Amino acid sequence: AIYRGEAAPGEDATARAARFQGVVF
């Protein structure tokens, strides 16, 4: 996965899903 912005400390799966931009494969 590629995400928008920087990850916050202790980020969980829900927060990652909100920043989800797409996937490389």
PDB file of all heavy atoms in Angstrom:
ATOM      1  N   ALA A   1       0.825  -1.215   0.000  1.00  0.00           N
ATOM      2  CA  ALA A   1       0.000   0.000   0.000  1.00  0.00           C
ATOM      3  C   ALA A   1       0.855   1.259   0.000  1.00  0.00           C
ATOM      4  O   ALA A   1       1.965   1.301   0.536  1.00  0.00           O
ATOM      5  CB  ALA A   1      -0.915  -0.005   1.218  1.00  0.00           C
ATOM      6  N   ILE A   2       0.294   2.313  -0.646  1.00  0.00           N
ATOM      7  CA  ILE A   2       0.844   3.662  -0.596  1.00  0.00           C
ATOM      8  C   ILE A   2      -0.174   4.552   0.113  1.00  0.00           C
ATOM      9  O   ILE A   2      -1.377   4.465  -0.161  1.00  0.00           O
ATOM     10  CB  ILE A   2       1.147   4.197  -2.008  1.00  0.00           C
ATOM     11  CG1 ILE A   2       2.288   3.394  -2.644  1.00  0.00           C
ATOM     12  CG2 ILE A   2       1.522   5.672  -1.974  1.00  0.00           C
ATOM     13  CD1 ILE A   2       2.645   3.844  -4.046  1.00  0.00           C
ATOM     14  N   TYR A   3       0.305   5.408   1.011  1.00  0.00           N
ATOM     15  CA  TYR A   3      -0.582   6.257   1.805  1.00  0.00           C
ATOM     16  C   TYR A   3      -0.263   7.731   1.549  1.00  0.00           C
ATOM     17  O   TYR A   3       0.872   8.091   1.212  1.00  0.00           O
ATOM     18  CB  TYR A   3      -0.417   5.956   3.309  1.00  0.00           C
ATOM     19  CG  TYR A   3      -0.629   4.517   3.669  1.00  0.00           C
ATOM     20  CD1 TYR A   3       0.455   3.632   3.765  1.00  0.00           C
ATOM     21  CD2 TYR A   3      -1.898   4.021   3.914  1.00  0.00           C
ATOM     22  CE1 TYR A   3       0.270   2.305   4.093  1.00  0.00           C
ATOM     23  CE2 TYR A   3      -2.097   2.687   4.240  1.00  0.00           C
ATOM     24  CZ  TYR A   3      -1.004   1.831   4.326  1.00  0.00           C
ATOM     25  OH  TYR A   3      -1.189   0.511   4.653  1.00  0.00           O
ATOM     26  N   ARG A   4      -1.260   8.563   1.737  1.00  0.00           N
ATOM     27  CA  ARG A   4      -1.071  10.016   1.662  1.00  0.00           C
ATOM     28  C   ARG A   4      -0.532  10.526   2.999  1.00  0.00           C
ATOM     29  O   ARG A   4      -0.994  10.107   4.053  1.00  0.00           O
ATOM     30  CB  ARG A   4      -2.389  10.726   1.353  1.00  0.00           C
ATOM     31  CG  ARG A   4      -2.985  10.387   0.001  1.00  0.00           C
ATOM     32  CD  ARG A   4      -4.262  11.183  -0.246  1.00  0.00           C
ATOM     33  NE  ARG A   4      -4.864  10.843  -1.521  1.00  0.00           N
ATOM     34  CZ  ARG A   4      -5.741   9.860  -1.702  1.00  0.00           C
ATOM     35  NH1 ARG A   4      -6.114   9.132  -0.656  1.00  0.00           N
ATOM     36  NH2 ARG A   4      -6.243   9.625  -2.884  1.00  0.00           N
ATOM     37  N   GLY A   5       0.438  11.433   2.934  1.00  0.00           N
ATOM     38  CA  GLY A   5       0.925  12.053   4.156  1.00  0.00           C
ATOM     39  C   GLY A   5       1.782  11.110   4.976  1.00  0.00           C
ATOM     40  O   GLY A   5       2.152  10.018   4.553  1.00  0.00           O
ATOM     41  N   GLU A   6       2.087  11.570   6.185  1.00  0.00           N
ATOM     42  CA  GLU A   6       2.925  10.815   7.101  1.00  0.00           C
ATOM     43  C   GLU A   6       2.082  10.094   8.144  1.00  0.00           C
ATOM     44  O   GLU A   6       1.028  10.595   8.557  1.00  0.00           O
ATOM     45  CB  GLU A   6       3.915  11.747   7.796  1.00  0.00           C
ATOM     46  CG  GLU A   6       4.910  12.417   6.850  1.00  0.00           C
ATOM     47  CD  GLU A   6       5.816  11.409   6.162  1.00  0.00           C
ATOM     48  OE1 GLU A   6       6.126  10.372   6.788  1.00  0.00           O
ATOM     49  OE2 GLU A   6       6.209  11.662   4.996  1.00  0.00           O
ATOM     50  N   ALA A   7       2.563   8.942   8.582  1.00  0.00           N
ATOM     51  CA  ALA A   7       1.852   8.159   9.588  1.00  0.00           C
ATOM     52  C   ALA A   7       1.999   8.797  10.960  1.00  0.00           C
ATOM     53  O   ALA A   7       3.077   9.268  11.330  1.00  0.00           O
ATOM     54  CB  ALA A   7       2.381   6.733   9.623  1.00  0.00           C
ATOM     55  N   ALA A   8       0.895   8.829  11.703  1.00  0.00           N
ATOM     56  CA  ALA A   8       0.929   9.328  13.068  1.00  0.00           C
ATOM     57  C   ALA A   8       1.471   8.247  13.994  1.00  0.00           C
ATOM     58  O   ALA A   8       1.344   7.061  13.700  1.00  0.00           O
ATOM     59  CB  ALA A   8      -0.478   9.739  13.506  1.00  0.00           C
ATOM     60  N   PRO A   9       2.096   8.619  15.112  1.00  0.00           N
ATOM     61  CA  PRO A   9       2.586   7.612  16.071  1.00  0.00           C
ATOM     62  C   PRO A   9       1.445   6.709  16.543  1.00  0.00           C
ATOM     63  O   PRO A   9       0.360   7.178  16.874  1.00  0.00           O
ATOM     64  CB  PRO A   9       3.135   8.460  17.221  1.00  0.00           C
ATOM     65  CG  PRO A   9       3.459   9.789  16.600  1.00  0.00           C
ATOM     66  CD  PRO A   9       2.414  10.004  15.543  1.00  0.00           C
ATOM     67  N   GLY A  10       1.707   5.414  16.516  1.00  0.00           N
ATOM     68  CA  GLY A  10       0.710   4.449  16.971  1.00  0.00           C
ATOM     69  C   GLY A  10      -0.482   4.319  16.038  1.00  0.00           C
ATOM     70  O   GLY A  10      -1.565   3.910  16.475  1.00  0.00           O
ATOM     71  N   GLU A  11      -0.320   4.617  14.782  1.00  0.00           N
ATOM     72  CA  GLU A  11      -1.430   4.568  13.822  1.00  0.00           C
ATOM     73  C   GLU A  11      -1.977   3.147  13.694  1.00  0.00           C
ATOM     74  O   GLU A  11      -1.215   2.182  13.589  1.00  0.00           O
ATOM     75  CB  GLU A  11      -0.945   5.068  12.466  1.00  0.00           C
ATOM     76  CG  GLU A  11      -2.032   5.139  11.399  1.00  0.00           C
ATOM     77  CD  GLU A  11      -1.490   5.652  10.078  1.00  0.00           C
ATOM     78  OE1 GLU A  11      -0.502   5.061   9.578  1.00  0.00           O
ATOM     79  OE2 GLU A  11      -2.037   6.620   9.546  1.00  0.00           O
ATOM     80  N   ASP A  12      -3.308   3.014  13.675  1.00  0.00           N
ATOM     81  CA  ASP A  12      -3.922   1.702  13.540  1.00  0.00           C
ATOM     82  C   ASP A  12      -4.435   1.493  12.127  1.00  0.00           C
ATOM     83  O   ASP A  12      -4.302   2.363  11.251  1.00  0.00           O
ATOM     84  CB  ASP A  12      -5.040   1.521  14.567  1.00  0.00           C
ATOM     85  CG  ASP A  12      -6.143   2.563  14.424  1.00  0.00           C
ATOM     86  OD1 ASP A  12      -6.165   3.282  13.393  1.00  0.00           O
ATOM     87  OD2 ASP A  12      -6.981   2.669  15.340  1.00  0.00           O
ATOM     88  N   ALA A  13      -5.072   0.337  11.911  1.00  0.00           N
ATOM     89  CA  ALA A  13      -5.542  -0.010  10.572  1.00  0.00           C
ATOM     90  C   ALA A  13      -6.610   0.949  10.073  1.00  0.00           C
ATOM     91  O   ALA A  13      -6.665   1.273   8.876  1.00  0.00           O
ATOM     92  CB  ALA A  13      -6.069  -1.444  10.567  1.00  0.00           C
ATOM     93  N   THR A  14      -7.466   1.439  10.956  1.00  0.00           N
ATOM     94  CA  THR A  14      -8.522   2.370  10.536  1.00  0.00           C
ATOM     95  C   THR A  14      -7.927   3.677  10.037  1.00  0.00           C
ATOM     96  O   THR A  14      -8.357   4.229   9.012  1.00  0.00           O
ATOM     97  CB  THR A  14      -9.474   2.640  11.716  1.00  0.00           C
ATOM     98  OG1 THR A  14     -10.025   1.400  12.165  1.00  0.00           O
ATOM     99  CG2 THR A  14     -10.594   3.580  11.298  1.00  0.00           C
ATOM    100  N   ALA A  15      -6.916   4.180  10.753  1.00  0.00           N
ATOM    101  CA  ALA A  15      -6.261   5.418  10.327  1.00  0.00           C
ATOM    102  C   ALA A  15      -5.523   5.215   9.005  1.00  0.00           C
ATOM    103  O   ALA A  15      -5.511   6.107   8.147  1.00  0.00           O
ATOM    104  CB  ALA A  15      -5.301   5.881  11.414  1.00  0.00           C
ATOM    105  N   ARG A  16      -4.922   4.053   8.839  1.00  0.00           N
ATOM    106  CA  ARG A  16      -4.241   3.789   7.572  1.00  0.00           C
ATOM    107  C   ARG A  16      -5.234   3.745   6.414  1.00  0.00           C
ATOM    108  O   ARG A  16      -4.955   4.242   5.323  1.00  0.00           O
ATOM    109  CB  ARG A  16      -3.498   2.451   7.642  1.00  0.00           C
ATOM    110  CG  ARG A  16      -2.307   2.420   8.573  1.00  0.00           C
ATOM    111  CD  ARG A  16      -1.475   1.171   8.332  1.00  0.00           C
ATOM    112  NE  ARG A  16      -0.488   0.980   9.383  1.00  0.00           N
ATOM    113  CZ  ARG A  16      -0.632   0.161  10.400  1.00  0.00           C
ATOM    114  NH1 ARG A  16      -1.733  -0.577  10.509  1.00  0.00           N
ATOM    115  NH2 ARG A  16       0.305   0.047  11.317  1.00  0.00           N
ATOM    116  N   ALA A  17      -6.397   3.153   6.649  1.00  0.00           N
ATOM    117  CA  ALA A  17      -7.406   3.073   5.589  1.00  0.00           C
ATOM    118  C   ALA A  17      -7.853   4.459   5.148  1.00  0.00           C
ATOM    119  O   ALA A  17      -8.148   4.689   3.969  1.00  0.00           O
ATOM    120  CB  ALA A  17      -8.592   2.249   6.069  1.00  0.00           C
ATOM    121  N   ALA A  18      -7.903   5.413   6.085  1.00  0.00           N
ATOM    122  CA  ALA A  18      -8.310   6.774   5.734  1.00  0.00           C
ATOM    123  C   ALA A  18      -7.268   7.453   4.852  1.00  0.00           C
ATOM    124  O   ALA A  18      -7.612   8.312   4.022  1.00  0.00           O
ATOM    125  CB  ALA A  18      -8.538   7.584   7.011  1.00  0.00           C
ATOM    126  N   ARG A  19      -5.981   7.108   5.031  1.00  0.00           N
ATOM    127  CA  ARG A  19      -4.919   7.721   4.234  1.00  0.00           C
ATOM    128  C   ARG A  19      -4.567   6.893   2.996  1.00  0.00           C
ATOM    129  O   ARG A  19      -3.673   7.255   2.235  1.00  0.00           O
ATOM    130  CB  ARG A  19      -3.648   7.876   5.091  1.00  0.00           C
ATOM    131  CG  ARG A  19      -3.784   8.809   6.265  1.00  0.00           C
ATOM    132  CD  ARG A  19      -2.416   9.121   6.896  1.00  0.00           C
ATOM    133  NE  ARG A  19      -1.653   7.952   7.287  1.00  0.00           N
ATOM    134  CZ  ARG A  19      -0.537   7.546   6.682  1.00  0.00           C
ATOM    135  NH1 ARG A  19      -0.073   8.198   5.620  1.00  0.00           N
ATOM    136  NH2 ARG A  19       0.110   6.481   7.117  1.00  0.00           N
ATOM    137  N   PHE A  20      -5.245   5.792   2.802  1.00  0.00           N
ATOM    138  CA  PHE A  20      -4.918   4.871   1.714  1.00  0.00           C
ATOM    139  C   PHE A  20      -5.054   5.561   0.354  1.00  0.00           C
ATOM    140  O   PHE A  20      -6.090   6.145   0.028  1.00  0.00           O
ATOM    141  CB  PHE A  20      -5.839   3.665   1.800  1.00  0.00           C
ATOM    142  CG  PHE A  20      -5.623   2.621   0.742  1.00  0.00           C
ATOM    143  CD1 PHE A  20      -4.409   1.961   0.616  1.00  0.00           C
ATOM    144  CD2 PHE A  20      -6.638   2.287  -0.146  1.00  0.00           C
ATOM    145  CE1 PHE A  20      -4.210   0.989  -0.343  1.00  0.00           C
ATOM    146  CE2 PHE A  20      -6.449   1.313  -1.113  1.00  0.00           C
ATOM    147  CZ  PHE A  20      -5.234   0.663  -1.213  1.00  0.00           C
ATOM    148  N   GLN A  21      -4.001   5.476  -0.451  1.00  0.00           N
ATOM    149  CA  GLN A  21      -3.989   6.111  -1.773  1.00  0.00           C
ATOM    150  C   GLN A  21      -4.072   5.084  -2.900  1.00  0.00           C
ATOM    151  O   GLN A  21      -4.705   5.324  -3.927  1.00  0.00           O
ATOM    152  CB  GLN A  21      -2.706   6.941  -1.941  1.00  0.00           C
ATOM    153  CG  GLN A  21      -2.535   7.570  -3.317  1.00  0.00           C
ATOM    154  CD  GLN A  21      -1.230   8.338  -3.432  1.00  0.00           C
ATOM    155  OE1 GLN A  21      -0.643   8.728  -2.429  1.00  0.00           O
ATOM    156  NE2 GLN A  21      -0.768   8.549  -4.650  1.00  0.00           N
ATOM    157  N   GLY A  22      -3.436   3.950  -2.717  1.00  0.00           N
ATOM    158  CA  GLY A  22      -3.426   2.923  -3.750  1.00  0.00           C
ATOM    159  C   GLY A  22      -2.405   1.850  -3.404  1.00  0.00           C
ATOM    160  O   GLY A  22      -1.880   1.804  -2.289  1.00  0.00           O
ATOM    161  N   VAL A  23      -2.112   0.985  -4.372  1.00  0.00           N
ATOM    162  CA  VAL A  23      -1.147  -0.082  -4.160  1.00  0.00           C
ATOM    163  C   VAL A  23      -0.203  -0.178  -5.355  1.00  0.00           C
ATOM    164  O   VAL A  23      -0.592   0.066  -6.495  1.00  0.00           O
ATOM    165  CB  VAL A  23      -1.826  -1.455  -3.944  1.00  0.00           C
ATOM    166  CG1 VAL A  23      -2.571  -1.507  -2.634  1.00  0.00           C
ATOM    167  CG2 VAL A  23      -2.727  -1.815  -5.117  1.00  0.00           C
ATOM    168  N   VAL A  24       1.042  -0.517  -5.062  1.00  0.00           N
ATOM    169  CA  VAL A  24       1.961  -0.953  -6.107  1.00  0.00           C
ATOM    170  C   VAL A  24       1.989  -2.471  -6.065  1.00  0.00           C
ATOM    171  O   VAL A  24       1.699  -3.095  -5.033  1.00  0.00           O
ATOM    172  CB  VAL A  24       3.372  -0.372  -5.903  1.00  0.00           C
ATOM    173  CG1 VAL A  24       3.376   1.114  -6.161  1.00  0.00           C
ATOM    174  CG2 VAL A  24       3.898  -0.686  -4.516  1.00  0.00           C
ATOM    175  N   PHE A  25       2.343  -3.085  -7.173  1.00  0.00           N
ATOM    176  CA  PHE A  25       2.328  -4.553  -7.217  1.00  0.00           C
ATOM    177  C   PHE A  25       3.356  -5.074  -8.196  1.00  0.00           C
ATOM    178  O   PHE A  25       3.809  -4.359  -9.110  1.00  0.00           O
ATOM    179  CB  PHE A  25       0.937  -5.077  -7.594  1.00  0.00           C
ATOM    180  CG  PHE A  25       0.503  -4.691  -8.984  1.00  0.00           C
ATOM    181  CD1 PHE A  25       0.846  -5.478 -10.090  1.00  0.00           C
ATOM    182  CD2 PHE A  25      -0.243  -3.539  -9.202  1.00  0.00           C
ATOM    183  CE1 PHE A  25       0.446  -5.127 -11.372  1.00  0.00           C
ATOM    184  CE2 PHE A  25      -0.648  -3.181 -10.472  1.00  0.00           C
ATOM    185  CZ  PHE A  25      -0.302  -3.974 -11.565  1.00  0.00           C
TER     186      PHE A  25
END
